[in-house]
PDB file of N, CA and C in Angstrom:
ATOM      1  N   MET A   1      -0.352   7.834  14.563  1.00  0.00           N
ATOM      2  CA  MET A   1      -1.306   8.883  14.415  1.00  0.00           C
ATOM      3  C   MET A   1      -2.528   8.389  13.636  1.00  0.00           C
ATOM      4  N   ILE A   2      -2.290   7.622  12.586  1.00  0.00           N
ATOM      5  CA  ILE A   2      -3.403   7.103  11.782  1.00  0.00           C
ATOM      6  C   ILE A   2      -4.273   6.196  12.636  1.00  0.00           C
ATOM      7  N   GLY A   3      -3.649   5.301  13.403  1.00  0.00           N
ATOM      8  CA  GLY A   3      -4.415   4.403  14.259  1.00  0.00           C
ATOM      9  C   GLY A   3      -5.203   5.147  15.325  1.00  0.00           C
ATOM     10  N   GLU A   4      -4.670   6.230  15.813  1.00  0.00           N
ATOM     11  CA  GLU A   4      -5.357   7.023  16.833  1.00  0.00           C
ATOM     12  C   GLU A   4      -6.495   7.836  16.233  1.00  0.00           C
ATOM     13  N   GLN A   5      -6.259   8.479  15.108  1.00  0.00           N
ATOM     14  CA  GLN A   5      -7.269   9.346  14.492  1.00  0.00           C
ATOM     15  C   GLN A   5      -8.317   8.559  13.700  1.00  0.00           C
ATOM     16  N   ARG A   6      -7.957   7.367  13.230  1.00  0.00           N
ATOM     17  CA  ARG A   6      -8.837   6.459  12.501  1.00  0.00           C
ATOM     18  C   ARG A   6      -9.555   7.114  11.311  1.00  0.00           C
ATOM     19  N   PRO A   7      -8.792   7.747  10.398  1.00  0.00           N
ATOM     20  CA  PRO A   7      -9.429   8.355   9.224  1.00  0.00           C
ATOM     21  C   PRO A   7      -9.958   7.290   8.271  1.00  0.00           C
ATOM     22  N   ASP A   8     -10.875   7.682   7.417  1.00  0.00           N
ATOM     23  CA  ASP A   8     -11.391   6.790   6.373  1.00  0.00           C
ATOM     24  C   ASP A   8     -10.313   6.723   5.293  1.00  0.00           C
ATOM     25  N   LEU A   9      -9.383   5.784   5.443  1.00  0.00           N
ATOM     26  CA  LEU A   9      -8.156   5.778   4.660  1.00  0.00           C
ATOM     27  C   LEU A   9      -7.757   4.362   4.290  1.00  0.00           C
ATOM     28  N   VAL A  10      -7.298   4.185   3.068  1.00  0.00           N
ATOM     29  CA  VAL A  10      -6.605   2.965   2.651  1.00  0.00           C
ATOM     30  C   VAL A  10      -5.167   3.376   2.409  1.00  0.00           C
ATOM     31  N   HIS A  11      -4.266   2.802   3.192  1.00  0.00           N
ATOM     32  CA  HIS A  11      -2.841   3.148   3.173  1.00  0.00           C
ATOM     33  C   HIS A  11      -2.122   2.016   2.442  1.00  0.00           C
ATOM     34  N   ALA A  12      -1.707   2.261   1.211  1.00  0.00           N
ATOM     35  CA  ALA A  12      -1.003   1.250   0.415  1.00  0.00           C
ATOM     36  C   ALA A  12       0.498   1.476   0.535  1.00  0.00           C
ATOM     37  N   VAL A  13       1.213   0.454   1.007  1.00  0.00           N
ATOM     38  CA  VAL A  13       2.660   0.532   1.169  1.00  0.00           C
ATOM     39  C   VAL A  13       3.306  -0.405   0.153  1.00  0.00           C
ATOM     40  N   LEU A  14       3.966   0.174  -0.853  1.00  0.00           N
ATOM     41  CA  LEU A  14       4.733  -0.608  -1.820  1.00  0.00           C
ATOM     42  C   LEU A  14       6.122  -0.768  -1.227  1.00  0.00           C
ATOM     43  N   ASP A  15       6.456  -1.985  -0.814  1.00  0.00           N
ATOM     44  CA  ASP A  15       7.650  -2.228  -0.010  1.00  0.00           C
ATOM     45  C   ASP A  15       8.670  -3.063  -0.765  1.00  0.00           C
ATOM     46  N   ASN A  16       9.731  -2.398  -1.234  1.00  0.00           N
ATOM     47  CA  ASN A  16      10.798  -3.143  -1.896  1.00  0.00           C
ATOM     48  C   ASN A  16      11.961  -3.409  -0.944  1.00  0.00           C
ATOM     49  N   GLY A  17      11.816  -2.992   0.317  1.00  0.00           N
ATOM     50  CA  GLY A  17      12.836  -3.270   1.318  1.00  0.00           C
ATOM     51  C   GLY A  17      14.128  -2.501   1.147  1.00  0.00           C
ATOM     52  N   ALA A  18      14.117  -1.463   0.289  1.00  0.00           N
ATOM     53  CA  ALA A  18      15.359  -0.732   0.019  1.00  0.00           C
ATOM     54  C   ALA A  18      15.095   0.761  -0.158  1.00  0.00           C
ATOM     55  N   HIS A  19      16.115   1.538   0.132  1.00  0.00           N
ATOM     56  CA  HIS A  19      16.118   2.970  -0.166  1.00  0.00           C
ATOM     57  C   HIS A  19      16.859   3.122  -1.495  1.00  0.00           C
ATOM     58  N   GLU A  20      16.175   2.880  -2.583  1.00  0.00           N
ATOM     59  CA  GLU A  20      16.850   2.841  -3.879  1.00  0.00           C
ATOM     60  C   GLU A  20      17.374   4.190  -4.330  1.00  0.00           C
ATOM     61  N   SER A  21      16.698   5.263  -3.958  1.00  0.00           N
ATOM     62  CA  SER A  21      17.136   6.572  -4.434  1.00  0.00           C
ATOM     63  C   SER A  21      18.434   7.024  -3.771  1.00  0.00           C
ATOM     64  N   THR A  22      18.855   6.340  -2.704  1.00  0.00           N
ATOM     65  CA  THR A  22      20.099   6.716  -2.024  1.00  0.00           C
ATOM     66  C   THR A  22      21.127   5.600  -2.055  1.00  0.00           C
ATOM     67  N   GLY A  23      21.007   4.692  -3.003  1.00  0.00           N
ATOM     68  CA  GLY A  23      22.038   3.680  -3.178  1.00  0.00           C
ATOM     69  C   GLY A  23      21.611   2.259  -2.894  1.00  0.00           C
ATOM     70  N   GLY A  24      20.357   2.039  -2.581  1.00  0.00           N
ATOM     71  CA  GLY A  24      19.853   0.679  -2.422  1.00  0.00           C
ATOM     72  C   GLY A  24      20.043   0.061  -1.051  1.00  0.00           C
ATOM     73  N   GLN A  25      20.289   0.884  -0.017  1.00  0.00           N
ATOM     74  CA  GLN A  25      20.431   0.319   1.333  1.00  0.00           C
ATOM     75  C   GLN A  25      19.105  -0.321   1.760  1.00  0.00           C
ATOM     76  N   ARG A  26      19.206  -1.411   2.533  1.00  0.00           N
ATOM     77  CA  ARG A  26      18.006  -2.061   3.059  1.00  0.00           C
ATOM     78  C   ARG A  26      17.323  -1.120   4.043  1.00  0.00           C
ATOM     79  N   THR A  27      15.996  -1.195   4.091  1.00  0.00           N
ATOM     80  CA  THR A  27      15.258  -0.379   5.049  1.00  0.00           C
ATOM     81  C   THR A  27      15.294  -1.032   6.416  1.00  0.00           C
ATOM     82  N   ALA A  28      14.946  -0.279   7.427  1.00  0.00           N
ATOM     83  CA  ALA A  28      14.890  -0.805   8.791  1.00  0.00           C
ATOM     84  C   ALA A  28      13.590  -1.553   9.048  1.00  0.00           C
ATOM     85  N   ALA A  29      12.631  -1.444   8.148  1.00  0.00           N
ATOM     86  CA  ALA A  29      11.320  -2.069   8.340  1.00  0.00           C
ATOM     87  C   ALA A  29      11.357  -3.533   7.920  1.00  0.00           C
ATOM     88  N   LEU A  30      12.073  -4.331   8.669  1.00  0.00           N
ATOM     89  CA  LEU A  30      12.218  -5.743   8.316  1.00  0.00           C
ATOM     90  C   LEU A  30      11.248  -6.631   9.076  1.00  0.00           C
ATOM     91  N   GLY A  31      10.421  -6.055   9.944  1.00  0.00           N
ATOM     92  CA  GLY A  31       9.456  -6.826  10.711  1.00  0.00           C
ATOM     93  C   GLY A  31       8.222  -7.143   9.886  1.00  0.00           C
ATOM     94  N   ASP A  32       7.094  -7.230  10.557  1.00  0.00           N
ATOM     95  CA  ASP A  32       5.828  -7.564   9.920  1.00  0.00           C
ATOM     96  C   ASP A  32       4.961  -6.312   9.871  1.00  0.00           C
ATOM     97  N   PRO A  33       4.918  -5.601   8.732  1.00  0.00           N
ATOM     98  CA  PRO A  33       4.137  -4.368   8.649  1.00  0.00           C
ATOM     99  C   PRO A  33       2.652  -4.562   8.935  1.00  0.00           C
ATOM    100  N   VAL A  34       2.095  -5.718   8.597  1.00  0.00           N
ATOM    101  CA  VAL A  34       0.681  -5.976   8.884  1.00  0.00           C
ATOM    102  C   VAL A  34       0.457  -6.008  10.390  1.00  0.00           C
ATOM    103  N   ALA A  35       1.292  -6.748  11.108  1.00  0.00           N
ATOM    104  CA  ALA A  35       1.164  -6.814  12.572  1.00  0.00           C
ATOM    105  C   ALA A  35       1.415  -5.448  13.204  1.00  0.00           C
ATOM    106  N   MET A  36       2.394  -4.705  12.661  1.00  0.00           N
ATOM    107  CA  MET A  36       2.675  -3.371  13.200  1.00  0.00           C
ATOM    108  C   MET A  36       1.485  -2.435  13.012  1.00  0.00           C
ATOM    109  N   ALA A  37       0.839  -2.488  11.847  1.00  0.00           N
ATOM    110  CA  ALA A  37      -0.316  -1.625  11.586  1.00  0.00           C
ATOM    111  C   ALA A  37      -1.451  -1.954  12.555  1.00  0.00           C
ATOM    112  N   LEU A  38      -1.715  -3.225  12.748  1.00  0.00           N
ATOM    113  CA  LEU A  38      -2.780  -3.622  13.674  1.00  0.00           C
ATOM    114  C   LEU A  38      -2.448  -3.190  15.098  1.00  0.00           C
ATOM    115  N   ALA A  39      -1.190  -3.338  15.495  1.00  0.00           N
ATOM    116  CA  ALA A  39      -0.769  -2.931  16.835  1.00  0.00           C
ATOM    117  C   ALA A  39      -0.878  -1.419  17.021  1.00  0.00           C
ATOM    118  N   CYS A  40      -0.794  -0.674  15.923  1.00  0.00           N
ATOM    119  CA  CYS A  40      -0.880   0.794  15.991  1.00  0.00           C
ATOM    120  C   CYS A  40      -2.303   1.307  15.856  1.00  0.00           C
ATOM    121  N   GLY A  41      -3.273   0.410  15.757  1.00  0.00           N
ATOM    122  CA  GLY A  41      -4.667   0.830  15.756  1.00  0.00           C
ATOM    123  C   GLY A  41      -5.387   0.821  14.426  1.00  0.00           C
ATOM    124  N   TYR A  42      -4.728   0.343  13.357  1.00  0.00           N
ATOM    125  CA  TYR A  42      -5.455   0.200  12.096  1.00  0.00           C
ATOM    126  C   TYR A  42      -6.590  -0.798  12.303  1.00  0.00           C
ATOM    127  N   ALA A  43      -7.728  -0.559  11.683  1.00  0.00           N
ATOM    128  CA  ALA A  43      -8.870  -1.470  11.802  1.00  0.00           C
ATOM    129  C   ALA A  43      -8.629  -2.771  11.044  1.00  0.00           C
ATOM    130  N   ALA A  44      -7.849  -2.703   9.968  1.00  0.00           N
ATOM    131  CA  ALA A  44      -7.559  -3.892   9.163  1.00  0.00           C
ATOM    132  C   ALA A  44      -6.207  -3.693   8.490  1.00  0.00           C
ATOM    133  N   ALA A  45      -5.533  -4.807   8.194  1.00  0.00           N
ATOM    134  CA  ALA A  45      -4.259  -4.766   7.482  1.00  0.00           C
ATOM    135  C   ALA A  45      -4.107  -6.074   6.714  1.00  0.00           C
ATOM    136  N   HIS A  46      -3.591  -5.980   5.499  1.00  0.00           N
ATOM    137  CA  HIS A  46      -3.479  -7.152   4.635  1.00  0.00           C
ATOM    138  C   HIS A  46      -2.146  -7.139   3.909  1.00  0.00           C
ATOM    139  N   ARG A  47      -1.558  -8.319   3.734  1.00  0.00           N
ATOM    140  CA  ARG A  47      -0.370  -8.484   2.894  1.00  0.00           C
ATOM    141  C   ARG A  47      -0.883  -8.880   1.511  1.00  0.00           C
ATOM    142  N   ILE A  48      -0.473  -8.141   0.502  1.00  0.00           N
ATOM    143  CA  ILE A  48      -0.944  -8.362  -0.864  1.00  0.00           C
ATOM    144  C   ILE A  48       0.227  -8.869  -1.695  1.00  0.00           C
ATOM    145  N   GLU A  49       0.151 -10.120  -2.125  1.00  0.00           N
ATOM    146  CA  GLU A  49       1.259 -10.693  -2.885  1.00  0.00           C
ATOM    147  C   GLU A  49       0.921 -10.929  -4.358  1.00  0.00           C
ATOM    148  N   THR A  50      -0.359 -10.891  -4.711  1.00  0.00           N
ATOM    149  CA  THR A  50      -0.765 -11.086  -6.112  1.00  0.00           C
ATOM    150  C   THR A  50      -1.904 -10.129  -6.443  1.00  0.00           C
ATOM    151  N   ALA A  51      -2.100  -9.878  -7.731  1.00  0.00           N
ATOM    152  CA  ALA A  51      -3.206  -9.020  -8.159  1.00  0.00           C
ATOM    153  C   ALA A  51      -4.542  -9.624  -7.747  1.00  0.00           C
ATOM    154  N   ASP A  52      -4.646 -10.948  -7.763  1.00  0.00           N
ATOM    155  CA  ASP A  52      -5.893 -11.598  -7.339  1.00  0.00           C
ATOM    156  C   ASP A  52      -6.196 -11.293  -5.880  1.00  0.00           C
ATOM    157  N   ARG A  53      -5.171 -11.219  -5.067  1.00  0.00           N
ATOM    158  CA  ARG A  53      -5.355 -10.957  -3.635  1.00  0.00           C
ATOM    159  C   ARG A  53      -5.922  -9.561  -3.385  1.00  0.00           C
ATOM    160  N   ILE A  54      -5.461  -8.569  -4.151  1.00  0.00           N
ATOM    161  CA  ILE A  54      -5.986  -7.219  -3.931  1.00  0.00           C
ATOM    162  C   ILE A  54      -7.460  -7.155  -4.296  1.00  0.00           C
ATOM    163  N   ALA A  55      -7.864  -7.897  -5.311  1.00  0.00           N
ATOM    164  CA  ALA A  55      -9.275  -7.914  -5.700  1.00  0.00           C
ATOM    165  C   ALA A  55     -10.137  -8.580  -4.635  1.00  0.00           C
ATOM    166  N   ALA A  56      -9.553  -9.467  -3.831  1.00  0.00           N
ATOM    167  CA  ALA A  56     -10.314 -10.193  -2.813  1.00  0.00           C
ATOM    168  C   ALA A  56     -10.423  -9.439  -1.488  1.00  0.00           C
ATOM    169  N   VAL A  57      -9.631  -8.395  -1.305  1.00  0.00           N
ATOM    170  CA  VAL A  57      -9.638  -7.661  -0.042  1.00  0.00           C
ATOM    171  C   VAL A  57     -10.902  -6.825   0.064  1.00  0.00           C
ATOM    172  N   GLU A  58     -11.586  -6.947   1.191  1.00  0.00           N
ATOM    173  CA  GLU A  58     -12.755  -6.123   1.454  1.00  0.00           C
ATOM    174  C   GLU A  58     -12.306  -4.849   2.152  1.00  0.00           C
ATOM    175  N   LEU A  59     -12.619  -3.723   1.558  1.00  0.00           N
ATOM    176  CA  LEU A  59     -12.225  -2.429   2.113  1.00  0.00           C
ATOM    177  C   LEU A  59     -13.402  -1.828   2.866  1.00  0.00           C
ATOM    178  N   THR A  60     -13.856  -2.541   3.889  1.00  0.00           N
ATOM    179  CA  THR A  60     -15.049  -2.108   4.615  1.00  0.00           C
ATOM    180  C   THR A  60     -14.735  -1.461   5.946  1.00  0.00           C
ATOM    181  N   ARG A  61     -13.489  -1.574   6.415  1.00  0.00           N
ATOM    182  CA  ARG A  61     -13.109  -0.972   7.705  1.00  0.00           C
ATOM    183  C   ARG A  61     -11.968  -0.005   7.475  1.00  0.00           C
ATOM    184  N   ALA A  62     -11.978   1.055   8.241  1.00  0.00           N
ATOM    185  CA  ALA A  62     -10.921   2.059   8.065  1.00  0.00           C
ATOM    186  C   ALA A  62     -10.360   2.449   9.414  1.00  0.00           C
ATOM    187  N   PRO A  63      -9.099   2.764   9.445  1.00  0.00           N
ATOM    188  CA  PRO A  63      -8.155   2.737   8.334  1.00  0.00           C
ATOM    189  C   PRO A  63      -7.682   1.315   8.028  1.00  0.00           C
ATOM    190  N   THR A  64      -7.342   1.093   6.786  1.00  0.00           N
ATOM    191  CA  THR A  64      -6.836  -0.203   6.328  1.00  0.00           C
ATOM    192  C   THR A  64      -5.457  -0.014   5.716  1.00  0.00           C
ATOM    193  N   LEU A  65      -4.525  -0.905   6.060  1.00  0.00           N
ATOM    194  CA  LEU A  65      -3.196  -0.896   5.464  1.00  0.00           C
ATOM    195  C   LEU A  65      -3.080  -2.058   4.489  1.00  0.00           C
ATOM    196  N   LEU A  66      -2.557  -1.786   3.300  1.00  0.00           N
ATOM    197  CA  LEU A  66      -2.230  -2.822   2.324  1.00  0.00           C
ATOM    198  C   LEU A  66      -0.720  -2.848   2.180  1.00  0.00           C
ATOM    199  N   HIS A  67      -0.100  -3.941   2.625  1.00  0.00           N
ATOM    200  CA  HIS A  67       1.351  -4.107   2.498  1.00  0.00           C
ATOM    201  C   HIS A  67       1.602  -4.894   1.221  1.00  0.00           C
ATOM    202  N   ILE A  68       2.266  -4.256   0.254  1.00  0.00           N
ATOM    203  CA  ILE A  68       2.479  -4.854  -1.058  1.00  0.00           C
ATOM    204  C   ILE A  68       3.984  -5.016  -1.290  1.00  0.00           C
ATOM    205  N   PRO A  69       4.524  -6.212  -0.989  1.00  0.00           N
ATOM    206  CA  PRO A  69       5.954  -6.436  -1.231  1.00  0.00           C
ATOM    207  C   PRO A  69       6.250  -6.416  -2.734  1.00  0.00           C
ATOM    208  N   CYS A  70       7.382  -5.853  -3.093  1.00  0.00           N
ATOM    209  CA  CYS A  70       7.808  -5.852  -4.490  1.00  0.00           C
ATOM    210  C   CYS A  70       9.333  -5.955  -4.521  1.00  0.00           C
ATOM    211  N   ALA A  71       9.854  -6.304  -5.653  1.00  0.00           N
ATOM    212  CA  ALA A  71      11.293  -6.505  -5.783  1.00  0.00           C
ATOM    213  C   ALA A  71      11.998  -5.167  -5.996  1.00  0.00           C
ATOM    214  N   PRO A  72      13.166  -5.014  -5.398  1.00  0.00           N
ATOM    215  CA  PRO A  72      13.956  -3.806  -5.693  1.00  0.00           C
ATOM    216  C   PRO A  72      14.504  -3.881  -7.116  1.00  0.00           C
ATOM    217  N   ARG A  73      14.770  -2.733  -7.658  1.00  0.00           N
ATOM    218  CA  ARG A  73      15.394  -2.701  -8.983  1.00  0.00           C
ATOM    219  C   ARG A  73      16.839  -3.153  -8.847  1.00  0.00           C
ATOM    220  N   SER A  74      17.328  -3.817  -9.851  1.00  0.00           N
ATOM    221  CA  SER A  74      18.719  -4.252  -9.807  1.00  0.00           C
ATOM    222  C   SER A  74      19.589  -3.398 -10.722  1.00  0.00           C
ATOM    223  N   HIS A  75      19.025  -2.337 -11.261  1.00  0.00           N
ATOM    224  CA  HIS A  75      19.791  -1.467 -12.152  1.00  0.00           C
ATOM    225  C   HIS A  75      19.794  -0.038 -11.619  1.00  0.00           C
ATOM    226  N   ARG A  76      20.675   0.752 -12.184  1.00  0.00           N
ATOM    227  CA  ARG A  76      20.744   2.157 -11.781  1.00  0.00           C
ATOM    228  C   ARG A  76      19.444   2.869 -12.084  1.00  0.00           C
ATOM    229  N   ALA A  77      19.044   3.768 -11.220  1.00  0.00           N
ATOM    230  CA  ALA A  77      17.823   4.537 -11.444  1.00  0.00           C
ATOM    231  C   ALA A  77      17.994   5.400 -12.685  1.00  0.00           C
ATOM    232  N   GLY A  78      17.032   5.352 -13.556  1.00  0.00           N
ATOM    233  CA  GLY A  78      17.040   6.186 -14.752  1.00  0.00           C
ATOM    234  C   GLY A  78      16.074   7.344 -14.572  1.00  0.00           C
ATOM    235  N   ARG A  79      15.641   7.900 -15.667  1.00  0.00           N
ATOM    236  CA  ARG A  79      14.691   8.999 -15.566  1.00  0.00           C
ATOM    237  C   ARG A  79      13.344   8.461 -15.106  1.00  0.00           C
ATOM    238  N   ARG A  80      12.528   9.336 -14.544  1.00  0.00           N
ATOM    239  CA  ARG A  80      11.213   8.943 -14.046  1.00  0.00           C
ATOM    240  C   ARG A  80      10.339   8.487 -15.206  1.00  0.00           C
ATOM    241  N   VAL A  81       9.605   7.419 -15.002  1.00  0.00           N
ATOM    242  CA  VAL A  81       8.747   6.869 -16.045  1.00  0.00           C
ATOM    243  C   VAL A  81       7.442   7.660 -16.120  1.00  0.00           C
ATOM    244  N   GLU A  82       6.789   7.544 -17.244  1.00  0.00           N
ATOM    245  CA  GLU A  82       5.452   8.126 -17.401  1.00  0.00           C
ATOM    246  C   GLU A  82       4.465   7.036 -17.057  1.00  0.00           C
ATOM    247  N   PRO A  83       3.335   7.285 -16.510  1.00  0.00           N
ATOM    248  CA  PRO A  83       2.765   8.579 -16.170  1.00  0.00           C
ATOM    249  C   PRO A  83       3.409   9.194 -14.933  1.00  0.00           C
ATOM    250  N   SER A  84       3.042  10.432 -14.660  1.00  0.00           N
ATOM    251  CA  SER A  84       3.623  11.158 -13.530  1.00  0.00           C
ATOM    252  C   SER A  84       3.136  10.559 -12.214  1.00  0.00           C
ATOM    253  N   PRO A  85       3.820  10.836 -11.116  1.00  0.00           N
ATOM    254  CA  PRO A  85       3.343  10.359  -9.814  1.00  0.00           C
ATOM    255  C   PRO A  85       1.910  10.814  -9.520  1.00  0.00           C
ATOM    256  N   GLN A  86       1.569  12.041  -9.903  1.00  0.00           N
ATOM    257  CA  GLN A  86       0.217  12.542  -9.670  1.00  0.00           C
ATOM    258  C   GLN A  86      -0.812  11.748 -10.480  1.00  0.00           C
ATOM    259  N   GLN A  87      -0.472  11.392 -11.708  1.00  0.00           N
ATOM    260  CA  GLN A  87      -1.377  10.588 -12.530  1.00  0.00           C
ATOM    261  C   GLN A  87      -1.529   9.185 -11.950  1.00  0.00           C
ATOM    262  N   LEU A  88      -0.446   8.625 -11.420  1.00  0.00           N
ATOM    263  CA  LEU A  88      -0.534   7.304 -10.804  1.00  0.00           C
ATOM    264  C   LEU A  88      -1.429   7.332  -9.568  1.00  0.00           C
ATOM    265  N   VAL A  89      -1.313   8.384  -8.749  1.00  0.00           N
ATOM    266  CA  VAL A  89      -2.171   8.519  -7.574  1.00  0.00           C
ATOM    267  C   VAL A  89      -3.626   8.608  -8.008  1.00  0.00           C
ATOM    268  N   ALA A  90      -3.920   9.434  -9.004  1.00  0.00           N
ATOM    269  CA  ALA A  90      -5.295   9.585  -9.482  1.00  0.00           C
ATOM    270  C   ALA A  90      -5.839   8.257 -10.000  1.00  0.00           C
ATOM    271  N   ARG A  91      -5.025   7.517 -10.745  1.00  0.00           N
ATOM    272  CA  ARG A  91      -5.466   6.222 -11.274  1.00  0.00           C
ATOM    273  C   ARG A  91      -5.725   5.235 -10.137  1.00  0.00           C
ATOM    274  N   PHE A  92      -4.846   5.208  -9.139  1.00  0.00           N
ATOM    275  CA  PHE A  92      -5.015   4.317  -7.991  1.00  0.00           C
ATOM    276  C   PHE A  92      -6.283   4.671  -7.231  1.00  0.00           C
ATOM    277  N   GLN A  93      -6.541   5.972  -7.007  1.00  0.00           N
ATOM    278  CA  GLN A  93      -7.734   6.412  -6.291  1.00  0.00           C
ATOM    279  C   GLN A  93      -8.999   6.045  -7.064  1.00  0.00           C
ATOM    280  N   THR A  94      -8.974   6.173  -8.382  1.00  0.00           N
ATOM    281  CA  THR A  94     -10.122   5.805  -9.216  1.00  0.00           C
ATOM    282  C   THR A  94     -10.431   4.316  -9.077  1.00  0.00           C
ATOM    283  N   GLU A  95      -9.389   3.490  -9.107  1.00  0.00           N
ATOM    284  CA  GLU A  95      -9.590   2.050  -8.971  1.00  0.00           C
ATOM    285  C   GLU A  95     -10.121   1.675  -7.589  1.00  0.00           C
ATOM    286  N   LEU A  96      -9.615   2.330  -6.541  1.00  0.00           N
ATOM    287  CA  LEU A  96     -10.136   2.061  -5.199  1.00  0.00           C
ATOM    288  C   LEU A  96     -11.590   2.469  -5.087  1.00  0.00           C
ATOM    289  N   ALA A  97     -11.957   3.616  -5.666  1.00  0.00           N
ATOM    290  CA  ALA A  97     -13.355   4.065  -5.637  1.00  0.00           C
ATOM    291  C   ALA A  97     -14.241   3.080  -6.383  1.00  0.00           C
ATOM    292  N   ARG A  98     -13.760   2.588  -7.532  1.00  0.00           N
ATOM    293  CA  ARG A  98     -14.526   1.592  -8.298  1.00  0.00           C
ATOM    294  C   ARG A  98     -14.715   0.329  -7.485  1.00  0.00           C
ATOM    295  N   LYS A  99     -13.669  -0.110  -6.809  1.00  0.00           N
ATOM    296  CA  LYS A  99     -13.739  -1.302  -5.969  1.00  0.00           C
ATOM    297  C   LYS A  99     -14.757  -1.116  -4.846  1.00  0.00           C
ATOM    298  N   ASN A 100     -14.763   0.072  -4.227  1.00  0.00           N
ATOM    299  CA  ASN A 100     -15.722   0.357  -3.162  1.00  0.00           C
ATOM    300  C   ASN A 100     -17.152   0.370  -3.674  1.00  0.00           C
ATOM    301  N   GLU A 101     -17.371   0.855  -4.887  1.00  0.00           N
ATOM    302  CA  GLU A 101     -18.707   0.859  -5.478  1.00  0.00           C
ATOM    303  C   GLU A 101     -19.196  -0.549  -5.759  1.00  0.00           C
ATOM    304  N   GLU A 102     -18.272  -1.446  -6.096  1.00  0.00           N
ATOM    305  CA  GLU A 102     -18.626  -2.835  -6.410  1.00  0.00           C
ATOM    306  C   GLU A 102     -18.867  -3.665  -5.156  1.00  0.00           C
ATOM    307  N   THR A 103     -18.363  -3.225  -4.001  1.00  0.00           N
ATOM    308  CA  THR A 103     -18.472  -3.980  -2.760  1.00  0.00           C
ATOM    309  C   THR A 103     -19.878  -3.824  -2.196  1.00  0.00           C
ATOM    310  N   PRO A 104     -20.627  -4.926  -2.054  1.00  0.00           N
ATOM    311  CA  PRO A 104     -21.974  -4.812  -1.486  1.00  0.00           C
ATOM    312  C   PRO A 104     -21.915  -4.387  -0.023  1.00  0.00           C
ATOM    313  N   THR A 105     -22.850  -3.566   0.385  1.00  0.00           N
ATOM    314  CA  THR A 105     -22.927  -3.126   1.776  1.00  0.00           C
ATOM    315  C   THR A 105     -24.076  -3.814   2.464  1.00  0.00           C
ATOM    316  N   GLY A 106     -23.993  -3.861   3.780  1.00  0.00           N
ATOM    317  CA  GLY A 106     -25.097  -4.429   4.558  1.00  0.00           C
ATOM    318  C   GLY A 106     -24.723  -5.664   5.139  1.00  0.00           C
TER     319      GLY A 106
END
């Protein structure tokens, strides 16, 4: 749907390869999410493995997928950490907006 509608969107996927909230089963998404996003019509897709890499990504085409592999937790899930999910979304959106302001156009 995203590839078809082509919204002005940056889709960040934090991928630990597991369904941790239900016991840590591996996910079915074992293929290449970047290739899948491009095949589904995303204008751009990037695998992000380091903080330096995210700073180097140009967010000039939309929709863009950022596939960010991360390690699954090896311990039992505890209480939710602070800040809240809503605060994390707001912080992430602020950083993306700042990045877009810093990106030269033309």
